[in-house]
Amino acid sequence: MPTWYVVLMILTGLLIGAGVPVALFYMALNAGSWVYLLAATIISVFAVVGGGILAIVGFVPVLQYMDEAAEEAERQLAAHRAFLRSLLEELDEASAVLRDIRDELRRVGGT
């Protein structure tokens, strides 16, 4: 998942959900009419809801990517554990062979 995608979704959600209402109320308060305030309120509600929906829709792929990355990491970890288990088994076998050689050398050298 590209980083620019996440940044773009955050900025877009913030601009629509917060920037639009702030700008509307600023302009409505400068105009000084209750009609403009009412219109700013209605449009701001839609902007906040739209920004929230945009943020949710934008972050769903991010969450899916994170889930897929976690699953891939678990698969790699399982493969690494299996490799280490087999390596330890081989080392145990080599250790047993070396112990047998040591015991045989002690027996031959002691006689």
Foldseek 3Di string as FASTA:
>chain_A
DDPVLLVVLVVVLCCQQPVQLVVQVVVCVVVPDVVSVVVSVVSNVVSNVVSVVSSVVSCVVVVVVVVVVVVVVVVVVVVVVVVVVVVVVVVVVVVVVVVVVVVVCCVVVVD
